[in-house]
Amino acid sequence: MSFAQFRADVKRARSRRRIYARINALPDSTVREELLAIAQRHEFSER
Protein backbone atom coordinates (compact mmCIF):
# COMPACT_ATOMS: atom_id res chain seq x y z
CA MET A 1 0.00 0.00 0.00
CA SER A 2 1.43 3.34 -0.97
CA PHE A 3 1.67 6.19 1.46
CA ALA A 4 -0.84 8.24 -0.58
CA GLN A 5 -3.35 5.40 -0.46
CA PHE A 6 -2.82 4.98 3.30
CA ARG A 7 -3.33 8.72 3.79
CA ALA A 8 -6.54 8.66 1.75
CA ASP A 9 -7.85 5.73 3.81
CA VAL A 10 -7.08 7.55 7.07
CA LYS A 11 -8.77 10.70 5.80
CA ARG A 12 -11.86 8.72 4.73
CA ALA A 13 -12.05 6.98 8.13
CA ARG A 14 -11.73 10.30 9.98
CA SER A 15 -14.46 11.81 7.86
CA ARG A 16 -16.70 8.78 8.45
CA ARG A 17 -16.20 9.03 12.24
CA ARG A 18 -16.93 12.76 12.11
CA ILE A 19 -20.23 12.36 10.22
CA TYR A 20 -21.41 9.59 12.57
CA ALA A 21 -20.46 11.71 15.59
CA ARG A 22 -22.45 14.65 14.22
CA ILE A 23 -25.48 12.45 13.55
CA ASN A 24 -25.27 10.85 17.01
CA ALA A 25 -25.10 14.30 18.61
CA LEU A 26 -28.58 15.07 17.29
CA PRO A 27 -31.50 14.65 19.69
CA ASP A 28 -33.35 11.33 19.43
CA SER A 29 -35.81 11.48 16.58
CA THR A 30 -36.86 9.71 13.42
CA VAL A 31 -34.76 12.21 11.45
CA ARG A 32 -31.64 11.02 13.28
CA GLU A 33 -32.50 7.39 12.54
CA GLU A 34 -33.09 8.22 8.89
CA LEU A 35 -29.74 10.04 8.63
CA LEU A 36 -27.99 7.02 10.14
CA ALA A 37 -29.68 4.72 7.64
CA ILE A 38 -28.65 6.97 4.74
CA ALA A 39 -25.04 7.16 5.95
CA GLN A 40 -24.84 3.39 6.34
CA ARG A 41 -26.35 2.77 2.90
CA HIS A 42 -23.85 5.18 1.36
CA GLU A 43 -20.96 3.54 3.19
CA PHE A 44 -21.93 0.04 2.04
CA SER A 45 -22.52 1.16 -1.56
CA GLU A 46 -18.94 2.52 -1.75
CA ARG A 47 -17.42 -0.89 -0.99
PDB file of N, CA and C in Angstrom:
ATOM      1  N   MET A   1       0.860  -1.178   0.000  1.00  0.00           N
ATOM      2  CA  MET A   1       0.000   0.000   0.000  1.00  0.00           C
ATOM      3  C   MET A   1       0.907   1.242   0.000  1.00  0.00           C
ATOM      4  N   SER A   2       0.629   2.117  -0.905  1.00  0.00           N
ATOM      5  CA  SER A   2       1.431   3.337  -0.974  1.00  0.00           C
ATOM      6  C   SER A   2       1.038   4.301   0.154  1.00  0.00           C
ATOM      7  N   PHE A   3       1.926   5.213   0.405  1.00  0.00           N
ATOM      8  CA  PHE A   3       1.666   6.194   1.463  1.00  0.00           C
ATOM      9  C   PHE A   3       0.446   7.051   1.113  1.00  0.00           C
ATOM     10  N   ALA A   4       0.309   7.414  -0.156  1.00  0.00           N
ATOM     11  CA  ALA A   4      -0.837   8.241  -0.576  1.00  0.00           C
ATOM     12  C   ALA A   4      -2.150   7.489  -0.360  1.00  0.00           C
ATOM     13  N   GLN A   5      -2.148   6.199  -0.653  1.00  0.00           N
ATOM     14  CA  GLN A   5      -3.354   5.402  -0.457  1.00  0.00           C
ATOM     15  C   GLN A   5      -3.671   5.279   1.037  1.00  0.00           C
ATOM     16  N   PHE A   6      -2.642   5.058   1.842  1.00  0.00           N
ATOM     17  CA  PHE A   6      -2.823   4.984   3.295  1.00  0.00           C
ATOM     18  C   PHE A   6      -3.406   6.282   3.829  1.00  0.00           C
ATOM     19  N   ARG A   7      -2.855   7.397   3.364  1.00  0.00           N
ATOM     20  CA  ARG A   7      -3.326   8.715   3.793  1.00  0.00           C
ATOM     21  C   ARG A   7      -4.779   8.942   3.401  1.00  0.00           C
ATOM     22  N   ALA A   8      -5.149   8.525   2.205  1.00  0.00           N
ATOM     23  CA  ALA A   8      -6.536   8.665   1.750  1.00  0.00           C
ATOM     24  C   ALA A   8      -7.471   7.808   2.605  1.00  0.00           C
ATOM     25  N   ASP A   9      -7.036   6.599   2.954  1.00  0.00           N
ATOM     26  CA  ASP A   9      -7.850   5.730   3.809  1.00  0.00           C
ATOM     27  C   ASP A   9      -8.050   6.339   5.194  1.00  0.00           C
ATOM     28  N   VAL A  10      -6.986   6.911   5.756  1.00  0.00           N
ATOM     29  CA  VAL A  10      -7.077   7.547   7.070  1.00  0.00           C
ATOM     30  C   VAL A  10      -8.016   8.746   7.012  1.00  0.00           C
ATOM     31  N   LYS A  11      -7.906   9.522   5.960  1.00  0.00           N
ATOM     32  CA  LYS A  11      -8.767  10.699   5.800  1.00  0.00           C
ATOM     33  C   LYS A  11     -10.237  10.280   5.671  1.00  0.00           C
ATOM     34  N   ARG A  12     -10.493   9.214   4.908  1.00  0.00           N
ATOM     35  CA  ARG A  12     -11.861   8.715   4.731  1.00  0.00           C
ATOM     36  C   ARG A  12     -12.416   8.209   6.057  1.00  0.00           C
ATOM     37  N   ALA A  13     -11.598   7.503   6.829  1.00  0.00           N
ATOM     38  CA  ALA A  13     -12.045   6.982   8.126  1.00  0.00           C
ATOM     39  C   ALA A  13     -12.349   8.118   9.096  1.00  0.00           C
ATOM     40  N   ARG A  14     -11.509   9.142   9.100  1.00  0.00           N
ATOM     41  CA  ARG A  14     -11.734  10.302   9.982  1.00  0.00           C
ATOM     42  C   ARG A  14     -13.026  11.000   9.606  1.00  0.00           C
ATOM     43  N   SER A  15     -13.248  11.156   8.328  1.00  0.00           N
ATOM     44  CA  SER A  15     -14.456  11.814   7.856  1.00  0.00           C
ATOM     45  C   SER A  15     -15.696  10.993   8.221  1.00  0.00           C
ATOM     46  N   ARG A  16     -15.584   9.661   8.098  1.00  0.00           N
ATOM     47  CA  ARG A  16     -16.698   8.785   8.451  1.00  0.00           C
ATOM     48  C   ARG A  16     -17.013   8.898   9.930  1.00  0.00           C
ATOM     49  N   ARG A  17     -15.974   8.888  10.794  1.00  0.00           N
ATOM     50  CA  ARG A  17     -16.200   9.034  12.239  1.00  0.00           C
ATOM     51  C   ARG A  17     -16.833  10.378  12.560  1.00  0.00           C
ATOM     52  N   ARG A  18     -16.407  11.425  11.854  1.00  0.00           N
ATOM     53  CA  ARG A  18     -16.933  12.760  12.107  1.00  0.00           C
ATOM     54  C   ARG A  18     -18.419  12.843  11.753  1.00  0.00           C
ATOM     55  N   ILE A  19     -18.808  12.272  10.610  1.00  0.00           N
ATOM     56  CA  ILE A  19     -20.229  12.355  10.218  1.00  0.00           C
ATOM     57  C   ILE A  19     -21.102  11.554  11.175  1.00  0.00           C
ATOM     58  N   TYR A  20     -20.625  10.376  11.608  1.00  0.00           N
ATOM     59  CA  TYR A  20     -21.408   9.591  12.567  1.00  0.00           C
ATOM     60  C   TYR A  20     -21.496  10.304  13.914  1.00  0.00           C
ATOM     61  N   ALA A  21     -20.436  10.970  14.332  1.00  0.00           N
ATOM     62  CA  ALA A  21     -20.463  11.711  15.592  1.00  0.00           C
ATOM     63  C   ALA A  21     -21.465  12.860  15.511  1.00  0.00           C
ATOM     64  N   ARG A  22     -21.497  13.532  14.371  1.00  0.00           N
ATOM     65  CA  ARG A  22     -22.450  14.646  14.222  1.00  0.00           C
ATOM     66  C   ARG A  22     -23.890  14.146  14.221  1.00  0.00           C
ATOM     67  N   ILE A  23     -24.128  13.011  13.571  1.00  0.00           N
ATOM     68  CA  ILE A  23     -25.483  12.446  13.550  1.00  0.00           C
ATOM     69  C   ILE A  23     -25.878  11.999  14.958  1.00  0.00           C
ATOM     70  N   ASN A  24     -24.948  11.334  15.666  1.00  0.00           N
ATOM     71  CA  ASN A  24     -25.266  10.851  17.015  1.00  0.00           C
ATOM     72  C   ASN A  24     -25.463  11.980  18.007  1.00  0.00           C
ATOM     73  N   ALA A  25     -24.930  13.156  17.718  1.00  0.00           N
ATOM     74  CA  ALA A  25     -25.096  14.304  18.613  1.00  0.00           C
ATOM     75  C   ALA A  25     -26.495  14.910  18.505  1.00  0.00           C
ATOM     76  N   LEU A  26     -27.226  14.552  17.450  1.00  0.00           N
ATOM     77  CA  LEU A  26     -28.584  15.074  17.292  1.00  0.00           C
ATOM     78  C   LEU A  26     -29.495  14.479  18.360  1.00  0.00           C
ATOM     79  N   PRO A  27     -30.544  15.213  18.729  1.00  0.00           N
ATOM     80  CA  PRO A  27     -31.499  14.647  19.688  1.00  0.00           C
ATOM     81  C   PRO A  27     -32.205  13.431  19.074  1.00  0.00           C
ATOM     82  N   ASP A  28     -32.647  12.518  19.918  1.00  0.00           N
ATOM     83  CA  ASP A  28     -33.350  11.329  19.427  1.00  0.00           C
ATOM     84  C   ASP A  28     -34.579  11.736  18.622  1.00  0.00           C
ATOM     85  N   SER A  29     -34.650  11.213  17.422  1.00  0.00           N
ATOM     86  CA  SER A  29     -35.808  11.479  16.580  1.00  0.00           C
ATOM     87  C   SER A  29     -35.766  10.544  15.383  1.00  0.00           C
ATOM     88  N   THR A  30     -36.832  10.545  14.625  1.00  0.00           N
ATOM     89  CA  THR A  30     -36.857   9.714  13.416  1.00  0.00           C
ATOM     90  C   THR A  30     -35.918  10.281  12.363  1.00  0.00           C
ATOM     91  N   VAL A  31     -35.682  11.590  12.396  1.00  0.00           N
ATOM     92  CA  VAL A  31     -34.757  12.206  11.447  1.00  0.00           C
ATOM     93  C   VAL A  31     -33.346  11.667  11.684  1.00  0.00           C
ATOM     94  N   ARG A  32     -32.962  11.560  12.938  1.00  0.00           N
ATOM     95  CA  ARG A  32     -31.642  11.020  13.283  1.00  0.00           C
ATOM     96  C   ARG A  32     -31.510   9.587  12.779  1.00  0.00           C
ATOM     97  N   GLU A  33     -32.535   8.778  12.996  1.00  0.00           N
ATOM     98  CA  GLU A  33     -32.504   7.387  12.539  1.00  0.00           C
ATOM     99  C   GLU A  33     -32.411   7.316  11.013  1.00  0.00           C
ATOM    100  N   GLU A  34     -33.119   8.196  10.354  1.00  0.00           N
ATOM    101  CA  GLU A  34     -33.092   8.223   8.887  1.00  0.00           C
ATOM    102  C   GLU A  34     -31.709   8.632   8.380  1.00  0.00           C
ATOM    103  N   LEU A  35     -31.091   9.623   9.022  1.00  0.00           N
ATOM    104  CA  LEU A  35     -29.735  10.036   8.629  1.00  0.00           C
ATOM    105  C   LEU A  35     -28.734   8.908   8.826  1.00  0.00           C
ATOM    106  N   LEU A  36     -28.864   8.166   9.913  1.00  0.00           N
ATOM    107  CA  LEU A  36     -27.989   7.018  10.144  1.00  0.00           C
ATOM    108  C   LEU A  36     -28.171   5.964   9.053  1.00  0.00           C
ATOM    109  N   ALA A  37     -29.408   5.707   8.682  1.00  0.00           N
ATOM    110  CA  ALA A  37     -29.680   4.722   7.636  1.00  0.00           C
ATOM    111  C   ALA A  37     -29.081   5.170   6.308  1.00  0.00           C
ATOM    112  N   ILE A  38     -29.202   6.444   5.993  1.00  0.00           N
ATOM    113  CA  ILE A  38     -28.648   6.974   4.745  1.00  0.00           C
ATOM    114  C   ILE A  38     -27.130   6.868   4.745  1.00  0.00           C
ATOM    115  N   ALA A  39     -26.504   7.229   5.854  1.00  0.00           N
ATOM    116  CA  ALA A  39     -25.042   7.164   5.951  1.00  0.00           C
ATOM    117  C   ALA A  39     -24.551   5.723   5.808  1.00  0.00           C
ATOM    118  N   GLN A  40     -25.245   4.791   6.431  1.00  0.00           N
ATOM    119  CA  GLN A  40     -24.844   3.386   6.341  1.00  0.00           C
ATOM    120  C   GLN A  40     -25.031   2.850   4.924  1.00  0.00           C
ATOM    121  N   ARG A  41     -26.138   3.213   4.291  1.00  0.00           N
ATOM    122  CA  ARG A  41     -26.350   2.774   2.896  1.00  0.00           C
ATOM    123  C   ARG A  41     -25.267   3.297   1.991  1.00  0.00           C
ATOM    124  N   HIS A  42     -24.898   4.563   2.176  1.00  0.00           N
ATOM    125  CA  HIS A  42     -23.853   5.179   1.361  1.00  0.00           C
ATOM    126  C   HIS A  42     -22.517   4.483   1.593  1.00  0.00           C
ATOM    127  N   GLU A  43     -22.217   4.194   2.845  1.00  0.00           N
ATOM    128  CA  GLU A  43     -20.961   3.536   3.191  1.00  0.00           C
ATOM    129  C   GLU A  43     -20.870   2.153   2.550  1.00  0.00           C
ATOM    130  N   PHE A  44     -21.956   1.385   2.606  1.00  0.00           N
ATOM    131  CA  PHE A  44     -21.931   0.037   2.038  1.00  0.00           C
ATOM    132  C   PHE A  44     -21.947   0.049   0.518  1.00  0.00           C
ATOM    133  N   SER A  45     -22.510   1.088  -0.084  1.00  0.00           N
ATOM    134  CA  SER A  45     -22.519   1.160  -1.556  1.00  0.00           C
ATOM    135  C   SER A  45     -21.157   1.523  -2.117  1.00  0.00           C
ATOM    136  N   GLU A  46     -20.299   2.149  -1.293  1.00  0.00           N
ATOM    137  CA  GLU A  46     -18.944   2.517  -1.752  1.00  0.00           C
ATOM    138  C   GLU A  46     -18.022   1.308  -1.820  1.00  0.00           C
ATOM    139  N   ARG A  47     -18.303   0.278  -1.059  1.00  0.00           N
ATOM    140  CA  ARG A  47     -17.420  -0.893  -0.994  1.00  0.00           C
ATOM    141  C   ARG A  47     -17.504  -1.757  -2.207  1.00  0.00           C
TER     142      ARG A  47
END
